Amino acid sequence: MRKGTTTRTSRMWRQAQAPAAGGNLTSAQLVIVLSIALALGSAVLAGCGGSSSSPIVIPATPTLTRTPTPTATPTPTATPTPTATPTPVFAAGSSAVAVNCQTQRAWVAMNNTGGGAGDGTMAEVDLTINPAIFNPVIGTIDLAADIPSGVALTPSQLLVVAGDVGLGGHLYIFNQSDNSPVPGSPFNFPAGSDTFGISAVVYDPVHNQAVVSMCDTVDCTGNKDPATGWAVFDLTTHKFGPVISAAEPDSLSLNPNTGLIVAPADAIDPPSLTNAILAGNATQACLLSDLNLTR
């Protein structure tokens, strides 16, 4: 602010405050004086640092824009595909009776009681019939001279091992629906083998085959030889595999899940092999040795 301007304004302010010659300023006069003083002050301020016509600009306070926090998109978790649990197939053992629990039918190995030449028969039994009231035998299968010693069932067929001692053994296959034989039945045992009245058969549902025990046709002592032991029969090709040489099994049991065959044996001709337990599969057999089983 210039010195002359300051002096002039101060003087006017003092005059406004000093009493007039004839007395005090009226209110209207005071307002006029103050307005002039304010106008002069504003003109002075407007000329500071540049043109008197340049306004004083007060910069606006910037408005902060809030950046939204990104929302994390959840990553979908893949649902694991459940692994199917395999249905276990339970071990099977040989028997002279085979039962179909779904159809309530059973097939039983039978023999004539009159002596002389054999007259083997399979009887079909209806398990829903009370034998105290009616005869449950609803059909028979004639095996002629062959005597059955073991039977087993597939889902749709009946397996029967039978033979006329010393004349070779046979595997018969019948349809369960009507007891009719399948083409080619009966199938001959491997050369030199027979049932000798004790052969057994078990069905392997995993590999669709049957395991058949057998004994040497000429000299069935129960001891291990090339025609004594067991053999596997392929139910698709209807062919026997080679005889797995072992002591003649008195019975057979099979774990289809592993293919393990377990067969107890008691030699007919002592003092050879007695009270033995054999284990093996479709390619080999071995003796489980345990002194508790020998005498």
Protein backbone atom coordinates (compact mmCIF):
# COMPACT_ATOMS: atom_id res chain seq x y z
CA MET A 1 0.00 0.00 0.00
CA ARG A 2 1.28 3.45 -0.98
CA LYS A 3 2.07 5.92 1.78
CA GLY A 4 -0.17 8.73 0.46
CA THR A 5 -3.14 6.44 0.28
CA THR A 6 -2.64 5.23 3.83
CA THR A 7 -2.41 8.78 5.16
CA ARG A 8 -5.57 9.83 3.37
CA THR A 9 -7.60 6.91 4.63
CA SER A 10 -6.45 7.36 8.21
CA ARG A 11 -7.29 10.99 8.11
CA MET A 12 -10.81 10.25 6.85
CA TRP A 13 -11.28 7.65 9.64
CA ARG A 14 -10.24 10.19 12.26
CA GLN A 15 -12.56 12.79 10.81
CA ALA A 16 -15.41 10.33 10.91
CA GLN A 17 -14.72 9.69 14.56
CA ALA A 18 -14.16 13.37 15.52
CA PRO A 19 -17.23 15.41 16.46
CA ALA A 20 -18.38 17.91 13.87
CA ALA A 21 -18.07 21.62 14.60
CA GLY A 22 -21.62 21.82 15.27
CA GLY A 23 -21.77 18.45 17.21
CA ASN A 24 -21.52 14.65 16.67
CA LEU A 25 -21.97 12.93 13.21
CA THR A 26 -25.31 11.53 12.60
CA SER A 27 -25.70 7.80 12.03
CA ALA A 28 -26.30 8.34 8.33
CA GLN A 29 -23.17 10.39 7.99
CA LEU A 30 -21.13 7.73 9.77
CA VAL A 31 -22.36 5.01 7.41
CA ILE A 32 -21.39 7.10 4.38
CA VAL A 33 -17.90 7.73 5.70
CA LEU A 34 -17.34 4.05 6.48
CA SER A 35 -18.52 3.00 3.01
CA ILE A 36 -16.04 5.39 1.35
CA ALA A 37 -13.22 4.07 3.51
CA LEU A 38 -13.99 0.46 2.68
CA ALA A 39 -14.20 1.23 -1.04
CA LEU A 40 -10.79 2.88 -1.01
CA GLY A 41 -9.27 -0.06 0.89
CA SER A 42 -10.64 -2.55 -1.62
CA ALA A 43 -9.23 -0.55 -4.54
CA VAL A 44 -5.81 -0.56 -2.93
CA LEU A 45 -5.86 -4.32 -2.30
CA ALA A 46 -6.98 -4.99 -5.87
CA GLY A 47 -3.87 -3.23 -7.22
CA CYS A 48 -1.33 -5.28 -5.20
CA GLY A 49 1.12 -7.14 -7.40
CA GLY A 50 -0.60 -6.47 -10.76
CA SER A 51 -3.54 -4.94 -12.57
CA SER A 52 -6.22 -3.51 -10.45
CA SER A 53 -8.77 -5.41 -12.53
CA SER A 54 -7.33 -8.89 -11.72
CA PRO A 55 -9.50 -10.75 -9.19
CA ILE A 56 -8.04 -12.72 -6.31
CA VAL A 57 -8.60 -16.40 -7.15
CA ILE A 58 -8.77 -18.89 -4.33
CA PRO A 59 -8.03 -22.36 -5.69
CA ALA A 60 -10.72 -24.91 -5.06
CA THR A 61 -9.88 -27.76 -2.74
CA PRO A 62 -9.64 -30.90 -4.92
CA THR A 63 -12.24 -33.54 -4.22
CA LEU A 64 -10.62 -36.88 -3.45
CA THR A 65 -12.06 -39.75 -5.51
CA ARG A 66 -12.00 -42.98 -3.56
CA THR A 67 -10.78 -45.89 -5.63
CA PRO A 68 -12.98 -48.88 -4.80
CA THR A 69 -11.15 -51.82 -3.29
CA PRO A 70 -11.40 -54.68 -5.79
CA THR A 71 -13.47 -57.56 -4.54
CA ALA A 72 -11.67 -60.84 -4.89
CA THR A 73 -13.54 -63.30 -7.09
CA PRO A 74 -13.56 -66.67 -5.34
CA THR A 75 -11.89 -69.40 -7.33
CA PRO A 76 -14.34 -72.27 -7.72
CA THR A 77 -13.15 -75.43 -6.02
CA ALA A 78 -13.29 -78.39 -8.32
CA THR A 79 -15.48 -81.16 -6.99
CA PRO A 80 -13.41 -84.35 -7.02
CA THR A 81 -14.85 -87.14 -9.09
CA PRO A 82 -15.72 -89.95 -6.70
CA THR A 83 -13.69 -93.08 -7.27
CA ALA A 84 -15.89 -96.07 -7.71
CA THR A 85 -15.26 -98.62 -5.03
CA PRO A 86 -14.86 -102.01 -6.65
CA THR A 87 -17.40 -104.54 -5.55
CA PRO A 88 -15.56 -107.39 -3.83
CA VAL A 89 -16.12 -110.91 -5.13
CA PHE A 90 -16.16 -113.34 -2.27
CA ALA A 91 -14.16 -116.53 -2.21
CA ALA A 92 -15.91 -119.68 -3.36
CA GLY A 93 -15.49 -123.29 -2.31
CA SER A 94 -16.32 -126.54 -4.04
CA SER A 95 -19.48 -128.42 -3.21
CA ALA A 96 -21.89 -131.11 -4.39
CA VAL A 97 -24.76 -128.59 -4.19
CA ALA A 98 -25.10 -125.32 -6.11
CA VAL A 99 -27.71 -122.71 -5.11
CA ASN A 100 -29.07 -119.75 -7.07
CA CYS A 101 -30.46 -117.44 -4.40
CA GLN A 102 -32.19 -115.18 -6.92
CA THR A 103 -34.24 -117.87 -8.64
CA GLN A 104 -34.51 -120.03 -5.50
CA ARG A 105 -33.25 -123.07 -7.39
CA ALA A 106 -30.63 -125.62 -6.35
CA TRP A 107 -28.85 -128.40 -8.24
CA VAL A 108 -27.70 -131.48 -6.31
CA ALA A 109 -25.25 -134.17 -7.43
CA MET A 110 -26.79 -137.65 -7.11
CA ASN A 111 -25.87 -141.29 -7.77
CA ASN A 112 -27.83 -144.50 -7.98
CA THR A 113 -27.90 -146.67 -4.88
CA GLY A 114 -28.35 -150.01 -6.61
CA GLY A 115 -24.66 -150.73 -7.26
CA GLY A 116 -23.23 -151.91 -10.52
CA ALA A 117 -22.77 -149.48 -13.39
CA GLY A 118 -22.97 -145.80 -12.54
CA ASP A 119 -26.05 -143.80 -13.31
CA GLY A 120 -25.23 -140.22 -12.46
CA THR A 121 -28.01 -137.66 -12.07
CA MET A 122 -28.36 -133.98 -11.24
CA ALA A 123 -31.56 -133.03 -9.44
CA GLU A 124 -33.05 -129.54 -9.74
CA VAL A 125 -34.83 -128.45 -6.56
CA ASP A 126 -37.34 -125.65 -6.00
CA LEU A 127 -36.37 -124.09 -2.67
CA THR A 128 -39.75 -122.37 -2.28
CA ILE A 129 -41.55 -125.72 -1.91
CA ASN A 130 -42.01 -127.21 1.53
CA PRO A 131 -40.62 -130.77 1.23
CA ALA A 132 -42.91 -131.90 4.06
CA ILE A 133 -45.90 -131.20 1.79
CA PHE A 134 -44.70 -131.58 -1.81
CA ASN A 135 -41.71 -133.05 -3.59
CA PRO A 136 -39.34 -130.10 -4.26
CA VAL A 137 -37.49 -131.93 -7.07
CA ILE A 138 -38.81 -130.34 -10.25
CA GLY A 139 -36.39 -131.85 -12.77
CA THR A 140 -33.42 -134.14 -13.30
CA ILE A 141 -30.42 -134.22 -15.60
CA ASP A 142 -29.20 -137.67 -16.65
CA LEU A 143 -25.43 -138.01 -16.92
CA ALA A 144 -25.53 -141.66 -17.97
CA ALA A 145 -22.53 -143.57 -16.63
CA ASP A 146 -20.72 -140.47 -15.33
CA ILE A 147 -21.01 -139.89 -11.59
CA PRO A 148 -21.09 -136.20 -10.55
CA SER A 149 -18.73 -135.15 -7.77
CA GLY A 150 -18.76 -131.36 -7.90
CA VAL A 151 -21.05 -128.55 -9.10
CA ALA A 152 -20.87 -124.77 -9.41
CA LEU A 153 -22.93 -121.96 -10.93
CA THR A 154 -22.12 -119.08 -13.24
CA PRO A 155 -24.72 -116.28 -13.58
CA SER A 156 -26.58 -118.32 -16.22
CA GLN A 157 -25.02 -121.79 -16.38
CA LEU A 158 -24.53 -124.92 -14.30
CA LEU A 159 -21.07 -126.54 -14.18
CA VAL A 160 -20.78 -130.24 -13.30
CA VAL A 161 -17.64 -132.41 -13.07
CA ALA A 162 -18.38 -136.11 -13.48
CA GLY A 163 -16.71 -139.29 -14.65
CA ASP A 164 -16.73 -143.06 -14.77
CA VAL A 165 -13.75 -144.08 -12.64
CA GLY A 166 -10.76 -145.01 -14.77
CA LEU A 167 -12.39 -143.85 -18.03
CA GLY A 168 -11.58 -140.14 -17.87
CA GLY A 169 -13.41 -137.11 -16.50
CA HIS A 170 -15.77 -134.57 -18.05
CA LEU A 171 -16.94 -131.04 -17.44
CA TYR A 172 -20.64 -130.65 -18.24
CA ILE A 173 -22.15 -127.21 -18.85
CA PHE A 174 -25.93 -126.68 -18.80
CA ASN A 175 -28.12 -123.60 -19.18
CA GLN A 176 -29.92 -122.89 -15.91
CA SER A 177 -33.06 -121.72 -17.70
CA ASP A 178 -33.97 -125.16 -19.06
CA ASN A 179 -31.10 -127.51 -18.10
CA SER A 180 -30.12 -127.87 -21.77
CA PRO A 181 -26.43 -128.59 -22.51
CA VAL A 182 -24.36 -125.93 -24.25
CA PRO A 183 -22.84 -126.89 -27.61
CA GLY A 184 -19.86 -129.20 -27.18
CA SER A 185 -20.77 -130.32 -23.64
CA PRO A 186 -19.42 -132.47 -22.04
CA PHE A 187 -15.78 -131.39 -22.37
CA ASN A 188 -13.03 -133.95 -21.80
CA PHE A 189 -10.48 -133.50 -19.02
CA PRO A 190 -6.84 -133.14 -20.11
CA ALA A 191 -5.49 -136.48 -21.33
CA GLY A 192 -4.71 -138.92 -18.52
CA SER A 193 -6.87 -137.20 -15.89
CA ASP A 194 -10.05 -138.38 -14.19
CA THR A 195 -12.41 -137.35 -11.40
CA PHE A 196 -11.90 -140.57 -9.45
CA GLY A 197 -15.12 -139.69 -7.68
CA ILE A 198 -13.74 -136.67 -5.81
CA SER A 199 -13.02 -133.97 -8.41
CA ALA A 200 -14.32 -130.49 -7.58
CA VAL A 201 -15.09 -127.33 -9.57
CA VAL A 202 -15.24 -123.63 -8.57
CA TYR A 203 -16.25 -120.66 -10.71
CA ASP A 204 -14.03 -117.59 -11.14
CA PRO A 205 -16.31 -114.63 -12.05
CA VAL A 206 -13.41 -112.19 -12.42
CA HIS A 207 -11.72 -114.13 -15.22
CA ASN A 208 -14.80 -116.07 -16.44
CA GLN A 209 -13.21 -119.44 -15.94
CA ALA A 210 -13.57 -122.55 -13.84
CA VAL A 211 -10.94 -124.32 -11.75
CA VAL A 212 -11.23 -128.12 -11.77
CA SER A 213 -9.32 -130.59 -9.59
CA MET A 214 -8.41 -133.98 -11.07
CA CYS A 215 -6.41 -137.17 -10.56
CA ASP A 216 -4.35 -139.51 -12.71
CA THR A 217 -6.62 -141.90 -14.61
CA VAL A 218 -4.36 -144.92 -14.29
CA ASP A 219 -2.80 -144.54 -10.87
CA CYS A 220 -4.73 -142.16 -8.61
CA THR A 221 -2.81 -142.42 -5.35
CA GLY A 222 -3.36 -138.78 -4.52
CA ASN A 223 0.32 -137.99 -4.92
CA LYS A 224 1.62 -135.31 -7.25
CA ASP A 225 2.16 -136.36 -10.86
CA PRO A 226 1.71 -134.79 -14.34
CA ALA A 227 -1.99 -135.76 -14.53
CA THR A 228 -2.89 -134.94 -10.91
CA GLY A 229 -3.61 -131.51 -9.49
CA TRP A 230 -5.89 -128.88 -11.06
CA ALA A 231 -6.50 -127.16 -14.39
CA VAL A 232 -8.26 -123.98 -15.48
CA PHE A 233 -11.12 -124.13 -18.01
CA ASP A 234 -11.82 -121.02 -20.11
CA LEU A 235 -15.60 -120.56 -20.31
CA THR A 236 -15.29 -118.41 -23.43
CA THR A 237 -13.13 -120.69 -25.56
CA HIS A 238 -14.24 -123.92 -23.83
CA LYS A 239 -10.63 -125.07 -23.52
CA PHE A 240 -8.68 -126.59 -20.63
CA GLY A 241 -5.27 -125.23 -19.75
CA PRO A 242 -2.42 -127.52 -18.67
CA VAL A 243 -2.66 -129.57 -15.47
CA ILE A 244 -0.90 -127.82 -12.58
CA SER A 245 0.86 -130.76 -10.98
CA ALA A 246 0.08 -131.09 -7.26
CA ALA A 247 -1.20 -133.57 -4.72
CA GLU A 248 -4.84 -134.39 -5.52
CA PRO A 249 -7.07 -131.84 -3.75
CA ASP A 250 -9.86 -133.20 -1.57
CA SER A 251 -11.63 -129.89 -2.18
CA LEU A 252 -10.96 -126.48 -3.70
CA SER A 253 -11.36 -122.88 -2.65
CA LEU A 254 -10.69 -119.81 -4.76
CA ASN A 255 -10.25 -116.10 -4.14
CA PRO A 256 -11.26 -114.59 -7.52
CA ASN A 257 -9.91 -111.15 -6.57
CA THR A 258 -6.34 -112.46 -6.41
CA GLY A 259 -6.62 -115.73 -8.34
CA LEU A 260 -5.37 -117.62 -5.27
CA ILE A 261 -6.30 -121.30 -5.10
CA VAL A 262 -6.14 -123.11 -1.76
CA ALA A 263 -6.58 -126.89 -1.74
CA PRO A 264 -6.23 -129.38 1.11
CA ALA A 265 -5.00 -132.85 0.15
CA ASP A 266 -4.83 -136.18 1.91
CA ALA A 267 -3.02 -138.88 -0.02
CA ILE A 268 -4.90 -142.11 -0.64
CA ASP A 269 -1.74 -144.20 -0.43
CA PRO A 270 0.08 -143.63 2.89
CA PRO A 271 2.72 -143.07 4.06
CA SER A 272 3.24 -140.61 1.22
CA LEU A 273 1.87 -137.10 1.44
CA THR A 274 -0.63 -136.66 4.26
CA ASN A 275 -2.64 -133.70 5.57
CA ALA A 276 -1.12 -131.21 3.14
CA ILE A 277 -2.41 -127.77 2.18
CA LEU A 278 -1.62 -126.56 -1.31
CA ALA A 279 -1.70 -123.01 -2.63
CA GLY A 280 -1.29 -121.73 -6.14
CA ASN A 281 -2.97 -120.24 -9.18
CA ALA A 282 -3.46 -120.99 -12.87
CA THR A 283 0.26 -121.49 -13.46
CA GLN A 284 1.84 -123.00 -10.34
CA ALA A 285 1.26 -124.84 -7.08
CA CYS A 286 3.23 -125.02 -3.86
CA LEU A 287 3.01 -126.88 -0.58
CA LEU A 288 2.32 -124.96 2.59
CA SER A 289 4.48 -126.74 5.14
CA ASP A 290 3.30 -126.81 8.74
CA LEU A 291 4.29 -129.52 11.23
CA ASN A 292 0.94 -129.05 12.96
CA LEU A 293 -0.74 -130.49 9.87
CA THR A 294 1.29 -133.70 9.61
CA ARG A 295 1.02 -136.86 11.61
